[in-house]
Amino acid sequence: MSVAALTTLITSIITGIARVSKVTREALAQSLEGMAEDVRKGGLIPDELLAKVEADGDRLRNVRDQLPD
């Protein structure tokens, strides 16, 4: 295999990997954006659960604030 043919092959492989990576990255971004939209609408995290988590966070902050230095 000549140097030119080898260079063309390697360039093609790298270009293919870059395209797949870009598509994969774009698909992941779209998936995360869809999940974020669902979270904002309350679809993935029910309001009751969110309220409990916030209350638990407040309790933990109170406990932490009362700890001696």
Protein backbone atom coordinates (compact mmCIF):
# COMPACT_ATOMS: atom_id res chain seq x y z
CA MET A 1 0.00 0.00 0.00
CA SER A 2 1.42 3.35 -1.01
CA VAL A 3 1.86 6.28 1.34
CA ALA A 4 -0.85 8.23 -0.50
CA ALA A 5 -3.33 5.35 -0.21
CA LEU A 6 -2.49 4.88 3.47
CA THR A 7 -2.92 8.61 4.10
CA THR A 8 -6.29 8.58 2.33
CA LEU A 9 -7.42 5.56 4.36
CA ILE A 10 -6.36 7.10 7.68
CA THR A 11 -7.99 10.42 6.77
CA SER A 12 -11.22 8.64 5.86
CA ILE A 13 -11.23 6.72 9.14
CA ILE A 14 -10.61 9.87 11.19
CA THR A 15 -13.31 11.76 9.27
CA GLY A 16 -15.76 8.92 9.89
CA ILE A 17 -14.99 8.87 13.60
CA ALA A 18 -15.46 12.65 13.80
CA ARG A 19 -18.86 12.39 12.09
CA VAL A 20 -20.04 9.60 14.38
CA SER A 21 -18.80 11.52 17.42
CA LYS A 22 -20.63 14.64 16.31
CA VAL A 23 -23.86 12.71 15.71
CA THR A 24 -23.53 10.94 19.06
CA ARG A 25 -22.85 14.20 20.86
CA GLU A 26 -25.84 15.86 19.15
CA ALA A 27 -28.11 12.93 20.00
CA LEU A 28 -27.00 13.06 23.63
CA ALA A 29 -27.60 16.82 23.78
CA GLN A 30 -31.10 16.41 22.33
CA SER A 31 -31.85 13.64 24.80
CA LEU A 32 -30.69 15.77 27.75
CA GLU A 33 -32.69 18.75 26.49
CA GLY A 34 -35.78 16.54 26.31
CA MET A 35 -35.20 15.29 29.84
CA ALA A 36 -34.70 18.84 31.11
CA GLU A 37 -38.01 19.87 29.53
CA ASP A 38 -39.75 16.93 31.20
CA VAL A 39 -38.24 17.87 34.58
CA ARG A 40 -39.39 21.48 34.19
CA LYS A 41 -42.93 20.25 33.48
CA GLY A 42 -42.84 17.99 36.53
CA GLY A 43 -42.85 14.85 34.42
CA LEU A 44 -39.80 13.08 35.81
CA ILE A 45 -39.80 14.47 39.34
CA PRO A 46 -43.27 14.69 40.92
CA ASP A 47 -44.00 17.88 42.85
CA GLU A 48 -44.47 15.91 46.09
CA LEU A 49 -41.01 14.39 45.80
CA LEU A 50 -39.46 17.76 45.00
CA ALA A 51 -41.15 19.32 48.05
CA LYS A 52 -39.84 16.48 50.26
CA VAL A 53 -36.30 16.89 48.93
CA GLU A 54 -36.43 20.64 49.54
CA ALA A 55 -37.74 20.11 53.08
CA ASP A 56 -35.04 17.53 53.77
CA GLY A 57 -32.45 19.98 52.47
CA ASP A 58 -33.74 22.65 54.84
CA ARG A 59 -33.55 20.21 57.76
CA LEU A 60 -30.01 19.21 56.89
CA ARG A 61 -28.95 22.87 56.66
CA ASN A 62 -30.45 23.50 60.09
CA VAL A 63 -28.60 20.53 61.56
CA ARG A 64 -25.34 21.62 59.94
CA ASP A 65 -25.75 25.18 61.20
CA GLN A 66 -26.19 23.91 64.77
CA LEU A 67 -22.99 21.84 64.74
CA PRO A 68 -20.13 23.23 66.80
CA ASP A 69 -17.19 24.66 64.87
